[in-house]
Amino acid sequence: SGHTTDHFVNGVPVAEKDYMTQVAELVGPE
């Protein structure tokens, strides 16, 4: 019925929005 992507930060599952926010804070704008 489709695909999905799971996101983890330091082993903790997080929502995609929170994951992208933390990545931006870590490495800066894409």
Full PDB file with SEQRES, HELIX, SHEET, SSBOND, CRYST1, ORIGX, SCALE, CONECT and MASTER records, all heavy atoms in Angstrom:
SEQRES   1 A   30  SER GLY HIS THR THR ASP HIS PHE VAL ASN GLY VAL PRO          
SEQRES   2 A   30  VAL ALA GLU LYS ASP TYR MET THR GLN VAL ALA GLU LEU          
SEQRES   3 A   30  VAL GLY PRO GLU                                              
HELIX    1 AA1 GLU A   16  VAL A   27  1                                  12    
SHEET    1 AA1 2 HIS A   7  VAL A   9  0                                        
SHEET    2 AA1 2 VAL A  12  VAL A  14 -1                                        
CRYST1    1.000    1.000    1.000  90.00  90.00  90.00 P 1           1          
ORIGX1      1.000000  0.000000  0.000000        0.00000                         
ORIGX2      0.000000  1.000000  0.000000        0.00000                         
ORIGX3      0.000000  0.000000  1.000000        0.00000                         
SCALE1      1.000000  0.000000  0.000000        0.00000                         
SCALE2      0.000000  1.000000  0.000000        0.00000                         
SCALE3      0.000000  0.000000  1.000000        0.00000                         
ATOM      1  N   SER A   1       0.804  -1.224   0.000  1.00  0.00           N  
ATOM      2  CA  SER A   1       0.000   0.000   0.000  1.00  0.00           C  
ATOM      3  C   SER A   1       0.841   1.280   0.000  1.00  0.00           C  
ATOM      4  O   SER A   1       0.304   2.363   0.175  1.00  0.00           O  
ATOM      5  CB  SER A   1      -0.940   0.014   1.217  1.00  0.00           C  
ATOM      6  OG  SER A   1      -0.191  -0.065   2.430  1.00  0.00           O  
ATOM      7  N   GLY A   2       2.167   1.160  -0.167  1.00  0.00           N  
ATOM      8  CA  GLY A   2       2.966   2.377  -0.237  1.00  0.00           C  
ATOM      9  C   GLY A   2       4.296   2.247   0.482  1.00  0.00           C  
ATOM     10  O   GLY A   2       4.740   1.140   0.807  1.00  0.00           O  
ATOM     11  N   HIS A   3       4.943   3.410   0.728  1.00  0.00           N  
ATOM     12  CA  HIS A   3       6.240   3.439   1.401  1.00  0.00           C  
ATOM     13  C   HIS A   3       6.208   4.422   2.572  1.00  0.00           C  
ATOM     14  O   HIS A   3       5.350   5.302   2.636  1.00  0.00           O  
ATOM     15  CB  HIS A   3       7.343   3.872   0.433  1.00  0.00           C  
ATOM     16  CG  HIS A   3       7.518   2.973  -0.744  1.00  0.00           C  
ATOM     17  ND1 HIS A   3       6.803   3.135  -1.913  1.00  0.00           N  
ATOM     18  CD2 HIS A   3       8.320   1.877  -0.923  1.00  0.00           C  
ATOM     19  CE1 HIS A   3       7.165   2.203  -2.781  1.00  0.00           C  
ATOM     20  NE2 HIS A   3       8.079   1.427  -2.203  1.00  0.00           N  
ATOM     21  N   THR A   4       7.156   4.262   3.445  1.00  0.00           N  
ATOM     22  CA  THR A   4       7.306   5.197   4.554  1.00  0.00           C  
ATOM     23  C   THR A   4       8.779   5.263   4.935  1.00  0.00           C  
ATOM     24  O   THR A   4       9.567   4.377   4.600  1.00  0.00           O  
ATOM     25  CB  THR A   4       6.456   4.786   5.767  1.00  0.00           C  
ATOM     26  OG1 THR A   4       6.514   5.820   6.755  1.00  0.00           O  
ATOM     27  CG2 THR A   4       6.986   3.505   6.377  1.00  0.00           C  
ATOM     28  N   THR A   5       9.152   6.347   5.611  1.00  0.00           N  
ATOM     29  CA  THR A   5      10.538   6.518   6.054  1.00  0.00           C  
ATOM     30  C   THR A   5      10.537   6.818   7.543  1.00  0.00           C  
ATOM     31  O   THR A   5       9.830   7.730   8.003  1.00  0.00           O  
ATOM     32  CB  THR A   5      11.210   7.679   5.299  1.00  0.00           C  
ATOM     33  OG1 THR A   5      11.149   7.431   3.889  1.00  0.00           O  
ATOM     34  CG2 THR A   5      12.667   7.817   5.717  1.00  0.00           C  
ATOM     35  N   ASP A   6      11.312   6.054   8.286  1.00  0.00           N  
ATOM     36  CA  ASP A   6      11.457   6.281   9.720  1.00  0.00           C  
ATOM     37  C   ASP A   6      12.740   7.070   9.975  1.00  0.00           C  
ATOM     38  O   ASP A   6      13.764   6.868   9.296  1.00  0.00           O  
ATOM     39  CB  ASP A   6      11.517   4.937  10.465  1.00  0.00           C  
ATOM     40  CG  ASP A   6      10.249   4.117  10.266  1.00  0.00           C  
ATOM     41  OD1 ASP A   6       9.186   4.729  10.102  1.00  0.00           O  
ATOM     42  OD2 ASP A   6      10.340   2.867  10.245  1.00  0.00           O  
ATOM     43  N   HIS A   7      12.693   7.959  10.967  1.00  0.00           N  
ATOM     44  CA  HIS A   7      13.827   8.841  11.259  1.00  0.00           C  
ATOM     45  C   HIS A   7      14.266   8.634  12.715  1.00  0.00           C  
ATOM     46  O   HIS A   7      13.425   8.513  13.618  1.00  0.00           O  
ATOM     47  CB  HIS A   7      13.425  10.312  11.041  1.00  0.00           C  
ATOM     48  CG  HIS A   7      12.950  10.612   9.653  1.00  0.00           C  
ATOM     49  ND1 HIS A   7      11.698  10.269   9.197  1.00  0.00           N  
ATOM     50  CD2 HIS A   7      13.580  11.249   8.621  1.00  0.00           C  
ATOM     51  CE1 HIS A   7      11.561  10.670   7.940  1.00  0.00           C  
ATOM     52  NE2 HIS A   7      12.673  11.269   7.571  1.00  0.00           N  
ATOM     53  N   PHE A   8      15.584   8.646  12.898  1.00  0.00           N  
ATOM     54  CA  PHE A   8      16.139   8.448  14.246  1.00  0.00           C  
ATOM     55  C   PHE A   8      17.291   9.423  14.463  1.00  0.00           C  
ATOM     56  O   PHE A   8      18.111   9.655  13.567  1.00  0.00           O  
ATOM     57  CB  PHE A   8      16.658   7.010  14.420  1.00  0.00           C  
ATOM     58  CG  PHE A   8      15.627   5.941  14.152  1.00  0.00           C  
ATOM     59  CD1 PHE A   8      15.414   5.472  12.863  1.00  0.00           C  
ATOM     60  CD2 PHE A   8      14.873   5.416  15.187  1.00  0.00           C  
ATOM     61  CE1 PHE A   8      14.475   4.487  12.612  1.00  0.00           C  
ATOM     62  CE2 PHE A   8      13.937   4.425  14.948  1.00  0.00           C  
ATOM     63  CZ  PHE A   8      13.737   3.959  13.654  1.00  0.00           C  
ATOM     64  N   VAL A   9      17.346   9.988  15.648  1.00  0.00           N  
ATOM     65  CA  VAL A   9      18.464  10.829  16.062  1.00  0.00           C  
ATOM     66  C   VAL A   9      19.012  10.244  17.358  1.00  0.00           C  
ATOM     67  O   VAL A   9      18.297  10.167  18.368  1.00  0.00           O  
ATOM     68  CB  VAL A   9      18.025  12.291  16.268  1.00  0.00           C  
ATOM     69  CG1 VAL A   9      19.206  13.128  16.767  1.00  0.00           C  
ATOM     70  CG2 VAL A   9      17.476  12.879  14.976  1.00  0.00           C  
ATOM     71  N   ASN A  10      20.253   9.796  17.298  1.00  0.00           N  
ATOM     72  CA  ASN A  10      20.881   9.128  18.447  1.00  0.00           C  
ATOM     73  C   ASN A  10      20.042   7.953  18.937  1.00  0.00           C  
ATOM     74  O   ASN A  10      19.880   7.721  20.138  1.00  0.00           O  
ATOM     75  CB  ASN A  10      21.122  10.118  19.585  1.00  0.00           C  
ATOM     76  CG  ASN A  10      22.152  11.168  19.218  1.00  0.00           C  
ATOM     77  OD1 ASN A  10      23.102  10.883  18.484  1.00  0.00           O  
ATOM     78  ND2 ASN A  10      21.969  12.384  19.723  1.00  0.00           N  
ATOM     79  N   GLY A  11      19.448   7.218  17.986  1.00  0.00           N  
ATOM     80  CA  GLY A  11      18.665   6.030  18.295  1.00  0.00           C  
ATOM     81  C   GLY A  11      17.240   6.309  18.712  1.00  0.00           C  
ATOM     82  O   GLY A  11      16.475   5.363  18.928  1.00  0.00           O  
ATOM     83  N   VAL A  12      16.852   7.574  18.817  1.00  0.00           N  
ATOM     84  CA  VAL A  12      15.497   7.924  19.261  1.00  0.00           C  
ATOM     85  C   VAL A  12      14.623   8.215  18.043  1.00  0.00           C  
ATOM     86  O   VAL A  12      14.986   9.068  17.213  1.00  0.00           O  
ATOM     87  CB  VAL A  12      15.522   9.148  20.189  1.00  0.00           C  
ATOM     88  CG1 VAL A  12      14.103   9.504  20.639  1.00  0.00           C  
ATOM     89  CG2 VAL A  12      16.429   8.875  21.388  1.00  0.00           C  
ATOM     90  N   PRO A  13      13.478   7.535  17.905  1.00  0.00           N  
ATOM     91  CA  PRO A  13      12.593   7.829  16.772  1.00  0.00           C  
ATOM     92  C   PRO A  13      12.034   9.253  16.883  1.00  0.00           C  
ATOM     93  O   PRO A  13      11.600   9.689  17.964  1.00  0.00           O  
ATOM     94  CB  PRO A  13      11.472   6.790  16.909  1.00  0.00           C  
ATOM     95  CG  PRO A  13      12.012   5.734  17.824  1.00  0.00           C  
ATOM     96  CD  PRO A  13      12.965   6.412  18.743  1.00  0.00           C  
ATOM     97  N   VAL A  14      12.047   9.975  15.774  1.00  0.00           N  
ATOM     98  CA  VAL A  14      11.516  11.337  15.757  1.00  0.00           C  
ATOM     99  C   VAL A  14      10.698  11.524  14.488  1.00  0.00           C  
ATOM    100  O   VAL A  14      10.853  10.784  13.506  1.00  0.00           O  
ATOM    101  CB  VAL A  14      12.639  12.393  15.806  1.00  0.00           C  
ATOM    102  CG1 VAL A  14      13.399  12.337  17.112  1.00  0.00           C  
ATOM    103  CG2 VAL A  14      13.596  12.238  14.625  1.00  0.00           C  
ATOM    104  N   ALA A  15       9.832  12.525  14.512  1.00  0.00           N  
ATOM    105  CA  ALA A  15       9.058  12.851  13.324  1.00  0.00           C  
ATOM    106  C   ALA A  15       9.967  13.478  12.260  1.00  0.00           C  
ATOM    107  O   ALA A  15      11.016  14.048  12.574  1.00  0.00           O  
ATOM    108  CB  ALA A  15       7.920  13.816  13.678  1.00  0.00           C  
ATOM    109  N   GLU A  16       9.564  13.378  11.018  1.00  0.00           N  
ATOM    110  CA  GLU A  16      10.400  13.900   9.920  1.00  0.00           C  
ATOM    111  C   GLU A  16      10.671  15.399  10.099  1.00  0.00           C  
ATOM    112  O   GLU A  16      11.792  15.856   9.882  1.00  0.00           O  
ATOM    113  CB  GLU A  16       9.710  13.648   8.572  1.00  0.00           C  
ATOM    114  CG  GLU A  16      10.518  14.175   7.386  1.00  0.00           C  
ATOM    115  CD  GLU A  16       9.828  13.925   6.059  1.00  0.00           C  
ATOM    116  OE1 GLU A  16       8.667  13.445   6.070  1.00  0.00           O  
ATOM    117  OE2 GLU A  16      10.432  14.213   5.008  1.00  0.00           O  
ATOM    118  N   LYS A  17       9.652  16.163  10.489  1.00  0.00           N  
ATOM    119  CA  LYS A  17       9.832  17.601  10.666  1.00  0.00           C  
ATOM    120  C   LYS A  17      10.891  17.898  11.722  1.00  0.00           C  
ATOM    121  O   LYS A  17      11.777  18.750  11.519  1.00  0.00           O  
ATOM    122  CB  LYS A  17       8.492  18.238  11.051  1.00  0.00           C  
ATOM    123  CG  LYS A  17       8.554  19.741  11.244  1.00  0.00           C  
ATOM    124  CD  LYS A  17       7.184  20.295  11.601  1.00  0.00           C  
ATOM    125  CE  LYS A  17       7.260  21.806  11.811  1.00  0.00           C  
ATOM    126  NZ  LYS A  17       5.935  22.371  12.186  1.00  0.00           N  
ATOM    127  N   ASP A  18      10.817  17.193  12.856  1.00  0.00           N  
ATOM    128  CA  ASP A  18      11.808  17.406  13.921  1.00  0.00           C  
ATOM    129  C   ASP A  18      13.188  16.947  13.477  1.00  0.00           C  
ATOM    130  O   ASP A  18      14.207  17.571  13.816  1.00  0.00           O  
ATOM    131  CB  ASP A  18      11.376  16.646  15.181  1.00  0.00           C  
ATOM    132  CG  ASP A  18      10.063  17.166  15.753  1.00  0.00           C  
ATOM    133  OD1 ASP A  18       9.775  18.363  15.520  1.00  0.00           O  
ATOM    134  OD2 ASP A  18       9.344  16.388  16.396  1.00  0.00           O  
ATOM    135  N   TYR A  19      13.231  15.850  12.703  1.00  0.00           N  
ATOM    136  CA  TYR A  19      14.510  15.345  12.197  1.00  0.00           C  
ATOM    137  C   TYR A  19      15.176  16.403  11.305  1.00  0.00           C  
ATOM    138  O   TYR A  19      16.370  16.708  11.470  1.00  0.00           O  
ATOM    139  CB  TYR A  19      14.258  14.066  11.409  1.00  0.00           C  
ATOM    140  CG  TYR A  19      15.494  13.434  10.821  1.00  0.00           C  
ATOM    141  CD1 TYR A  19      16.246  12.517  11.542  1.00  0.00           C  
ATOM    142  CD2 TYR A  19      15.907  13.741   9.518  1.00  0.00           C  
ATOM    143  CE1 TYR A  19      17.390  11.926  10.996  1.00  0.00           C  
ATOM    144  CE2 TYR A  19      17.035  13.165   8.972  1.00  0.00           C  
ATOM    145  CZ  TYR A  19      17.774  12.258   9.706  1.00  0.00           C  
ATOM    146  OH  TYR A  19      18.890  11.683   9.163  1.00  0.00           O  
ATOM    147  N   MET A  20      14.411  16.981  10.366  1.00  0.00           N  
ATOM    148  CA  MET A  20      14.978  17.973   9.452  1.00  0.00           C  
ATOM    149  C   MET A  20      15.405  19.233  10.202  1.00  0.00           C  
ATOM    150  O   MET A  20      16.404  19.876   9.853  1.00  0.00           O  
ATOM    151  CB  MET A  20      13.957  18.321   8.366  1.00  0.00           C  
ATOM    152  CG  MET A  20      13.557  17.137   7.474  1.00  0.00           C  
ATOM    153  SD  MET A  20      14.969  16.321   6.700  1.00  0.00           S  
ATOM    154  CE  MET A  20      15.596  17.638   5.666  1.00  0.00           C  
ATOM    155  N   THR A  21      14.661  19.590  11.256  1.00  0.00           N  
ATOM    156  CA  THR A  21      15.031  20.758  12.052  1.00  0.00           C  
ATOM    157  C   THR A  21      16.370  20.533  12.754  1.00  0.00           C  
ATOM    158  O   THR A  21      17.246  21.416  12.772  1.00  0.00           O  
ATOM    159  CB  THR A  21      13.938  21.063  13.085  1.00  0.00           C  
ATOM    160  OG1 THR A  21      12.706  21.341  12.407  1.00  0.00           O  
ATOM    161  CG2 THR A  21      14.310  22.257  13.938  1.00  0.00           C  
ATOM    162  N   GLN A  22      16.552  19.347  13.319  1.00  0.00           N  
ATOM    163  CA  GLN A  22      17.811  19.044  14.001  1.00  0.00           C  
ATOM    164  C   GLN A  22      18.976  18.971  13.015  1.00  0.00           C  
ATOM    165  O   GLN A  22      20.098  19.412  13.319  1.00  0.00           O  
ATOM    166  CB  GLN A  22      17.684  17.734  14.783  1.00  0.00           C  
ATOM    167  CG  GLN A  22      16.709  17.812  15.959  1.00  0.00           C  
ATOM    168  CD  GLN A  22      16.791  16.592  16.865  1.00  0.00           C  
ATOM    169  OE1 GLN A  22      17.874  16.207  17.300  1.00  0.00           O  
ATOM    170  NE2 GLN A  22      15.634  15.991  17.152  1.00  0.00           N  
ATOM    171  N   VAL A  23      18.735  18.426  11.814  1.00  0.00           N  
ATOM    172  CA  VAL A  23      19.797  18.374  10.802  1.00  0.00           C  
ATOM    173  C   VAL A  23      20.223  19.782  10.406  1.00  0.00           C  
ATOM    174  O   VAL A  23      21.419  20.077  10.265  1.00  0.00           O  
ATOM    175  CB  VAL A  23      19.320  17.583   9.569  1.00  0.00           C  
ATOM    176  CG1 VAL A  23      20.302  17.759   8.402  1.00  0.00           C  
ATOM    177  CG2 VAL A  23      19.165  16.114   9.905  1.00  0.00           C  
ATOM    178  N   ALA A  24      19.241  20.685  10.226  1.00  0.00           N  
ATOM    179  CA  ALA A  24      19.557  22.064   9.862  1.00  0.00           C  
ATOM    180  C   ALA A  24      20.377  22.739  10.960  1.00  0.00           C  
ATOM    181  O   ALA A  24      21.286  23.533  10.676  1.00  0.00           O  
ATOM    182  CB  ALA A  24      18.274  22.841   9.595  1.00  0.00           C  
ATOM    183  N   GLU A  25      20.057  22.436  12.210  1.00  0.00           N  
ATOM    184  CA  GLU A  25      20.824  23.011  13.319  1.00  0.00           C  
ATOM    185  C   GLU A  25      22.244  22.447  13.369  1.00  0.00           C  
ATOM    186  O   GLU A  25      23.185  23.150  13.759  1.00  0.00           O  
ATOM    187  CB  GLU A  25      20.108  22.739  14.634  1.00  0.00           C  
ATOM    188  CG  GLU A  25      18.774  23.467  14.777  1.00  0.00           C  
ATOM    189  CD  GLU A  25      18.044  23.082  16.048  1.00  0.00           C  
ATOM    190  OE1 GLU A  25      18.521  22.144  16.731  1.00  0.00           O  
ATOM    191  OE2 GLU A  25      16.999  23.696  16.351  1.00  0.00           O  
ATOM    192  N   LEU A  26      22.411  21.189  12.949  1.00  0.00           N  
ATOM    193  CA  LEU A  26      23.719  20.545  13.027  1.00  0.00           C  
ATOM    194  C   LEU A  26      24.642  20.965  11.885  1.00  0.00           C  
ATOM    195  O   LEU A  26      25.807  21.304  12.107  1.00  0.00           O  
ATOM    196  CB  LEU A  26      23.557  19.024  13.022  1.00  0.00           C  
ATOM    197  CG  LEU A  26      22.894  18.385  14.258  1.00  0.00           C  
ATOM    198  CD1 LEU A  26      22.631  16.908  14.019  1.00  0.00           C  
ATOM    199  CD2 LEU A  26      23.782  18.565  15.494  1.00  0.00           C  
ATOM    200  N   VAL A  27      24.121  20.926  10.633  1.00  0.00           N  
ATOM    201  CA  VAL A  27      24.995  21.138   9.463  1.00  0.00           C  
ATOM    202  C   VAL A  27      24.685  22.434   8.712  1.00  0.00           C  
ATOM    203  O   VAL A  27      25.406  22.763   7.761  1.00  0.00           O  
ATOM    204  CB  VAL A  27      24.885  19.945   8.492  1.00  0.00           C  
ATOM    205  CG1 VAL A  27      25.259  18.659   9.199  1.00  0.00           C  
ATOM    206  CG2 VAL A  27      23.489  19.838   7.886  1.00  0.00           C  
ATOM    207  N   GLY A  28      23.642  23.147   9.132  1.00  0.00           N  
ATOM    208  CA  GLY A  28      23.319  24.395   8.465  1.00  0.00           C  
ATOM    209  C   GLY A  28      22.372  24.198   7.289  1.00  0.00           C  
ATOM    210  O   GLY A  28      21.914  23.076   7.009  1.00  0.00           O  
ATOM    211  N   PRO A  29      22.070  25.284   6.538  1.00  0.00           N  
ATOM    212  CA  PRO A  29      21.144  25.186   5.399  1.00  0.00           C  
ATOM    213  C   PRO A  29      21.680  24.250   4.318  1.00  0.00           C  
ATOM    214  O   PRO A  29      22.898  24.146   4.109  1.00  0.00           O  
ATOM    215  CB  PRO A  29      21.070  26.634   4.884  1.00  0.00           C  
ATOM    216  CG  PRO A  29      21.538  27.483   6.009  1.00  0.00           C  
ATOM    217  CD  PRO A  29      22.525  26.667   6.774  1.00  0.00           C  
ATOM    218  N   GLU A  30      20.772  23.580   3.625  1.00  0.00           N  
ATOM    219  CA  GLU A  30      21.156  22.632   2.581  1.00  0.00           C  
ATOM    220  C   GLU A  30      21.963  23.307   1.472  1.00  0.00           C  
ATOM    221  O   GLU A  30      22.985  22.765   1.025  1.00  0.00           O  
ATOM    222  CB  GLU A  30      19.905  21.994   1.980  1.00  0.00           C  
ATOM    223  CG  GLU A  30      20.200  21.054   0.825  1.00  0.00           C  
ATOM    224  CD  GLU A  30      18.935  20.536   0.161  1.00  0.00           C  
ATOM    225  OE1 GLU A  30      17.823  20.823   0.663  1.00  0.00           O  
ATOM    226  OE2 GLU A  30      19.072  19.847  -0.865  1.00  0.00           O  
TER     227      GLU A  30                                                      
MASTER        0    0    0    1    2    0    0    6  226    1    0    3          
END                                                                             
